[in-house]
Amino acid sequence: MEDSKQPEALSLEQFKQIMDKLSRLDNQMLEHFGNLTAEISILRHEMKQELDGVKKSLWDVEKSIEAAWDSINDIQEEIKTHNDYKKTCQQSLDSHRQESALLKVNLKKVDSQQAEIEKLKTKLLEEQEKIIALENYSRCENLRFMNVPECKDENCMDVVYDMLEKDMKINV
């Protein structure tokens, strides 16, 4: 029984076979590790290229975002300027509206004054005609002599009587 519990002794041939198998396994493992190392190196190179591409893309995105923010800031400044201009224009428009309202009121006053002026002109013409009529009426019994020479210190009544008697042969 003691013999069955002892490990069986390996023959030299079996030992060589095991060693050959281990050697082949070792070679296969070395070959596979070499392939893995090569593949890892290729992957590392590809990853580096991918990472460089991502970095460049990220840099491009950052530049694009910076440009967008610059544009946004410019647009905000323009909006502020436009809002200030709009406020100024609104104030000017309000001022012009007030002036326009005042001008409308003044225009109404001017229109009423012009109407009153027209009435006064008409009345003035009527009054002038009345005055002329009155003057004509008051002169209807008067005579007017033209082309009569004037002398200094003369008596008009005597000159008229003289002219009537001598030139016109009227007995006064």
C-alpha atoms as a PDB file:
ATOM      1  CA  MET A   1       0.000   0.000   0.000  1.00  0.00           C
ATOM      2  CA  GLU A   2       2.742   2.264   0.517  1.00  0.00           C
ATOM      3  CA  ASP A   3       3.741   1.835  -3.067  1.00  0.00           C
ATOM      4  CA  SER A   4       0.335   3.036  -4.348  1.00  0.00           C
ATOM      5  CA  LYS A   5       0.494   6.211  -2.313  1.00  0.00           C
ATOM      6  CA  GLN A   6       3.800   7.269  -3.794  1.00  0.00           C
ATOM      7  CA  PRO A   7       3.728   9.228  -6.876  1.00  0.00           C
ATOM      8  CA  GLU A   8       4.453   7.341  -9.918  1.00  0.00           C
ATOM      9  CA  ALA A   9       7.798   8.078 -11.313  1.00  0.00           C
ATOM     10  CA  LEU A  10       7.763   9.674 -14.667  1.00  0.00           C
ATOM     11  CA  SER A  11       9.715   8.209 -17.388  1.00  0.00           C
ATOM     12  CA  LEU A  12      12.286  10.279 -19.174  1.00  0.00           C
ATOM     13  CA  GLU A  13      10.267  10.059 -22.352  1.00  0.00           C
ATOM     14  CA  GLN A  14       7.185  11.446 -20.626  1.00  0.00           C
ATOM     15  CA  PHE A  15       9.259  14.100 -19.023  1.00  0.00           C
ATOM     16  CA  LYS A  16      10.631  15.179 -22.443  1.00  0.00           C
ATOM     17  CA  GLN A  17       7.140  15.264 -23.860  1.00  0.00           C
ATOM     18  CA  ILE A  18       5.946  17.410 -21.021  1.00  0.00           C
ATOM     19  CA  MET A  19       8.960  19.669 -21.455  1.00  0.00           C
ATOM     20  CA  ASP A  20       8.326  19.915 -25.204  1.00  0.00           C
ATOM     21  CA  LYS A  21       4.716  20.773 -24.565  1.00  0.00           C
ATOM     22  CA  LEU A  22       5.745  23.367 -21.976  1.00  0.00           C
ATOM     23  CA  SER A  23       8.332  24.738 -24.376  1.00  0.00           C
ATOM     24  CA  ARG A  24       5.724  24.973 -27.144  1.00  0.00           C
ATOM     25  CA  LEU A  25       3.326  26.610 -24.740  1.00  0.00           C
ATOM     26  CA  ASP A  26       6.079  28.985 -23.697  1.00  0.00           C
ATOM     27  CA  ASN A  27       6.801  29.808 -27.351  1.00  0.00           C
ATOM     28  CA  GLN A  28       3.122  30.215 -28.088  1.00  0.00           C
ATOM     29  CA  MET A  29       2.730  32.462 -25.056  1.00  0.00           C
ATOM     30  CA  LEU A  30       5.752  34.503 -26.090  1.00  0.00           C
ATOM     31  CA  GLU A  31       4.355  34.751 -29.613  1.00  0.00           C
ATOM     32  CA  HIS A  32       0.962  35.735 -28.281  1.00  0.00           C
ATOM     33  CA  PHE A  33       2.512  38.224 -25.855  1.00  0.00           C
ATOM     34  CA  GLY A  34       4.534  39.639 -28.762  1.00  0.00           C
ATOM     35  CA  ASN A  35       1.341  39.908 -30.825  1.00  0.00           C
ATOM     36  CA  LEU A  36      -0.435  41.486 -27.868  1.00  0.00           C
ATOM     37  CA  THR A  37       2.415  43.908 -27.370  1.00  0.00           C
ATOM     38  CA  ALA A  38       2.324  44.814 -31.083  1.00  0.00           C
ATOM     39  CA  GLU A  39      -1.452  45.202 -31.027  1.00  0.00           C
ATOM     40  CA  ILE A  40      -1.255  47.266 -27.836  1.00  0.00           C
ATOM     41  CA  SER A  41       1.413  49.427 -29.487  1.00  0.00           C
ATOM     42  CA  ILE A  42      -0.819  49.859 -32.558  1.00  0.00           C
ATOM     43  CA  LEU A  43      -3.790  50.620 -30.313  1.00  0.00           C
ATOM     44  CA  ARG A  44      -1.682  53.075 -28.327  1.00  0.00           C
ATOM     45  CA  HIS A  45      -0.634  54.794 -31.578  1.00  0.00           C
ATOM     46  CA  GLU A  46      -4.236  54.853 -32.833  1.00  0.00           C
ATOM     47  CA  MET A  47      -5.451  56.134 -29.453  1.00  0.00           C
ATOM     48  CA  LYS A  48      -2.779  58.833 -29.530  1.00  0.00           C
ATOM     49  CA  GLN A  49      -3.888  59.887 -33.013  1.00  0.00           C
ATOM     50  CA  GLU A  50      -7.534  59.816 -31.929  1.00  0.00           C
ATOM     51  CA  LEU A  51      -6.697  61.786 -28.790  1.00  0.00           C
ATOM     52  CA  ASP A  52      -4.731  64.334 -30.833  1.00  0.00           C
ATOM     53  CA  GLY A  53      -7.741  64.653 -33.167  1.00  0.00           C
ATOM     54  CA  VAL A  54     -10.059  65.086 -30.204  1.00  0.00           C
ATOM     55  CA  LYS A  55      -7.689  67.689 -28.712  1.00  0.00           C
ATOM     56  CA  LYS A  56      -7.608  69.571 -32.025  1.00  0.00           C
ATOM     57  CA  SER A  57     -11.387  69.365 -32.328  1.00  0.00           C
ATOM     58  CA  LEU A  58     -11.746  70.548 -28.733  1.00  0.00           C
ATOM     59  CA  TRP A  59      -9.331  73.418 -29.454  1.00  0.00           C
ATOM     60  CA  ASP A  60     -11.357  74.304 -32.569  1.00  0.00           C
ATOM     61  CA  VAL A  61     -14.567  74.186 -30.526  1.00  0.00           C
ATOM     62  CA  GLU A  62     -13.007  76.425 -27.860  1.00  0.00           C
ATOM     63  CA  LYS A  63     -11.925  78.932 -30.525  1.00  0.00           C
ATOM     64  CA  SER A  64     -15.368  78.765 -32.101  1.00  0.00           C
ATOM     65  CA  ILE A  65     -17.011  79.336 -28.710  1.00  0.00           C
ATOM     66  CA  GLU A  66     -14.676  82.262 -28.027  1.00  0.00           C
ATOM     67  CA  ALA A  67     -15.569  83.748 -31.410  1.00  0.00           C
ATOM     68  CA  ALA A  68     -19.260  83.163 -30.662  1.00  0.00           C
ATOM     69  CA  TRP A  69     -18.923  84.929 -27.292  1.00  0.00           C
ATOM     70  CA  ASP A  70     -17.081  87.800 -28.969  1.00  0.00           C
ATOM     71  CA  SER A  71     -19.931  88.056 -31.475  1.00  0.00           C
ATOM     72  CA  ILE A  72     -22.480  87.855 -28.674  1.00  0.00           C
ATOM     73  CA  ASN A  73     -20.686  90.634 -26.777  1.00  0.00           C
ATOM     74  CA  ASP A  74     -20.547  92.752 -29.936  1.00  0.00           C
ATOM     75  CA  ILE A  75     -24.251  92.143 -30.545  1.00  0.00           C
ATOM     76  CA  GLN A  76     -25.041  93.017 -26.926  1.00  0.00           C
ATOM     77  CA  GLU A  77     -23.117  96.279 -27.321  1.00  0.00           C
ATOM     78  CA  GLU A  78     -25.007  96.991 -30.547  1.00  0.00           C
ATOM     79  CA  ILE A  79     -28.291  96.226 -28.808  1.00  0.00           C
ATOM     80  CA  LYS A  80     -27.349  98.576 -25.973  1.00  0.00           C
ATOM     81  CA  THR A  81     -26.436 101.267 -28.500  1.00  0.00           C
ATOM     82  CA  HIS A  82     -29.676 100.651 -30.409  1.00  0.00           C
ATOM     83  CA  ASN A  83     -31.673 100.768 -27.175  1.00  0.00           C
ATOM     84  CA  ASP A  84     -30.014 104.061 -26.232  1.00  0.00           C
ATOM     85  CA  TYR A  85     -30.716 105.391 -29.721  1.00  0.00           C
ATOM     86  CA  LYS A  86     -34.284 104.098 -29.512  1.00  0.00           C
ATOM     87  CA  LYS A  87     -34.719 105.848 -26.152  1.00  0.00           C
ATOM     88  CA  THR A  88     -33.326 109.086 -27.588  1.00  0.00           C
ATOM     89  CA  CYS A  89     -35.573 108.773 -30.644  1.00  0.00           C
ATOM     90  CA  GLN A  90     -38.588 108.040 -28.437  1.00  0.00           C
ATOM     91  CA  GLN A  91     -37.846 111.127 -26.341  1.00  0.00           C
ATOM     92  CA  SER A  92     -37.439 113.175 -29.502  1.00  0.00           C
ATOM     93  CA  LEU A  93     -40.670 111.722 -30.892  1.00  0.00           C
ATOM     94  CA  ASP A  94     -42.505 112.530 -27.664  1.00  0.00           C
ATOM     95  CA  SER A  95     -41.113 116.068 -27.785  1.00  0.00           C
ATOM     96  CA  HIS A  96     -42.199 116.435 -31.419  1.00  0.00           C
ATOM     97  CA  ARG A  97     -45.646 115.102 -30.566  1.00  0.00           C
ATOM     98  CA  GLN A  98     -45.964 117.714 -27.816  1.00  0.00           C
ATOM     99  CA  GLU A  99     -44.781 120.409 -30.206  1.00  0.00           C
ATOM    100  CA  SER A 100     -47.199 119.110 -32.824  1.00  0.00           C
ATOM    101  CA  ALA A 101     -50.059 119.270 -30.325  1.00  0.00           C
ATOM    102  CA  LEU A 102     -49.078 122.840 -29.421  1.00  0.00           C
ATOM    103  CA  LEU A 103     -48.820 123.717 -33.101  1.00  0.00           C
ATOM    104  CA  LYS A 104     -52.298 122.264 -33.706  1.00  0.00           C
ATOM    105  CA  VAL A 105     -53.668 124.390 -30.883  1.00  0.00           C
ATOM    106  CA  ASN A 106     -51.824 127.442 -32.230  1.00  0.00           C
ATOM    107  CA  LEU A 107     -53.007 126.627 -35.746  1.00  0.00           C
ATOM    108  CA  LYS A 108     -56.587 126.556 -34.523  1.00  0.00           C
ATOM    109  CA  LYS A 109     -55.980 129.928 -32.864  1.00  0.00           C
ATOM    110  CA  VAL A 110     -54.408 131.264 -36.055  1.00  0.00           C
ATOM    111  CA  ASP A 111     -57.316 129.918 -38.098  1.00  0.00           C
ATOM    112  CA  SER A 112     -59.826 131.588 -35.785  1.00  0.00           C
ATOM    113  CA  GLN A 113     -57.737 134.786 -35.850  1.00  0.00           C
ATOM    114  CA  GLN A 114     -57.596 134.648 -39.651  1.00  0.00           C
ATOM    115  CA  ALA A 115     -61.349 134.198 -39.768  1.00  0.00           C
ATOM    116  CA  GLU A 116     -61.691 137.163 -37.428  1.00  0.00           C
ATOM    117  CA  ILE A 117     -59.261 139.164 -39.586  1.00  0.00           C
ATOM    118  CA  GLU A 118     -61.331 138.337 -42.666  1.00  0.00           C
ATOM    119  CA  LYS A 119     -64.468 139.494 -40.836  1.00  0.00           C
ATOM    120  CA  LEU A 120     -62.658 142.663 -39.771  1.00  0.00           C
ATOM    121  CA  LYS A 121     -61.429 143.263 -43.331  1.00  0.00           C
ATOM    122  CA  THR A 122     -64.979 142.897 -44.602  1.00  0.00           C
ATOM    123  CA  LYS A 123     -66.247 145.240 -41.906  1.00  0.00           C
ATOM    124  CA  LEU A 124     -63.409 147.692 -42.658  1.00  0.00           C
ATOM    125  CA  LEU A 125     -64.365 147.715 -46.330  1.00  0.00           C
ATOM    126  CA  GLU A 126     -67.984 148.294 -45.375  1.00  0.00           C
ATOM    127  CA  GLU A 127     -66.955 151.134 -43.060  1.00  0.00           C
ATOM    128  CA  GLN A 128     -64.705 152.640 -45.738  1.00  0.00           C
ATOM    129  CA  GLU A 129     -67.604 152.540 -48.169  1.00  0.00           C
ATOM    130  CA  LYS A 130     -69.802 154.220 -45.553  1.00  0.00           C
ATOM    131  CA  ILE A 131     -67.146 156.898 -44.989  1.00  0.00           C
ATOM    132  CA  ILE A 132     -66.849 157.497 -48.716  1.00  0.00           C
ATOM    133  CA  ALA A 133     -70.622 157.694 -48.958  1.00  0.00           C
ATOM    134  CA  LEU A 134     -70.723 160.151 -46.060  1.00  0.00           C
ATOM    135  CA  GLU A 135     -67.947 162.248 -47.580  1.00  0.00           C
ATOM    136  CA  ASN A 136     -69.736 162.220 -50.919  1.00  0.00           C
ATOM    137  CA  TYR A 137     -72.980 163.204 -49.220  1.00  0.00           C
ATOM    138  CA  SER A 138     -71.330 166.000 -47.282  1.00  0.00           C
ATOM    139  CA  ARG A 139     -69.736 167.288 -50.484  1.00  0.00           C
ATOM    140  CA  CYS A 140     -72.850 167.177 -52.581  1.00  0.00           C
ATOM    141  CA  GLU A 141     -73.528 170.844 -51.847  1.00  0.00           C
ATOM    142  CA  ASN A 142     -69.892 171.839 -52.225  1.00  0.00           C
ATOM    143  CA  LEU A 143     -68.050 172.768 -55.343  1.00  0.00           C
ATOM    144  CA  ARG A 144     -64.520 171.859 -56.119  1.00  0.00           C
ATOM    145  CA  PHE A 145     -62.339 174.114 -58.151  1.00  0.00           C
ATOM    146  CA  MET A 146     -59.255 172.790 -59.838  1.00  0.00           C
ATOM    147  CA  ASN A 147     -56.266 174.543 -61.362  1.00  0.00           C
ATOM    148  CA  VAL A 148     -56.722 177.704 -59.369  1.00  0.00           C
ATOM    149  CA  PRO A 149     -53.386 179.311 -58.516  1.00  0.00           C
ATOM    150  CA  GLU A 150     -52.804 179.994 -54.851  1.00  0.00           C
ATOM    151  CA  CYS A 151     -51.380 183.192 -53.473  1.00  0.00           C
ATOM    152  CA  LYS A 152     -50.016 184.058 -50.111  1.00  0.00           C
ATOM    153  CA  ASP A 153     -52.413 185.674 -47.619  1.00  0.00           C
ATOM    154  CA  GLU A 154     -55.414 185.391 -49.944  1.00  0.00           C
ATOM    155  CA  ASN A 155     -59.044 185.112 -48.958  1.00  0.00           C
ATOM    156  CA  CYS A 156     -60.420 181.947 -50.577  1.00  0.00           C
ATOM    157  CA  MET A 157     -63.996 183.216 -50.541  1.00  0.00           C
ATOM    158  CA  ASP A 158     -63.062 186.335 -52.441  1.00  0.00           C
ATOM    159  CA  VAL A 159     -61.098 184.337 -55.009  1.00  0.00           C
ATOM    160  CA  VAL A 160     -64.043 181.958 -55.565  1.00  0.00           C
ATOM    161  CA  TYR A 161     -66.562 184.804 -55.839  1.00  0.00           C
ATOM    162  CA  ASP A 162     -64.305 186.610 -58.220  1.00  0.00           C
ATOM    163  CA  MET A 163     -63.871 183.567 -60.413  1.00  0.00           C
ATOM    164  CA  LEU A 164     -67.603 182.882 -60.451  1.00  0.00           C
ATOM    165  CA  GLU A 165     -68.464 186.439 -61.483  1.00  0.00           C
ATOM    166  CA  LYS A 166     -65.658 187.146 -63.940  1.00  0.00           C
ATOM    167  CA  ASP A 167     -64.838 183.760 -65.525  1.00  0.00           C
ATOM    168  CA  MET A 168     -68.156 182.031 -65.289  1.00  0.00           C
ATOM    169  CA  LYS A 169     -70.346 185.124 -65.408  1.00  0.00           C
ATOM    170  CA  ILE A 170     -72.537 183.973 -62.584  1.00  0.00           C
ATOM    171  CA  ASN A 171     -74.161 186.513 -60.394  1.00  0.00           C
ATOM    172  CA  VAL A 172     -73.496 185.558 -56.793  1.00  0.00           C
END
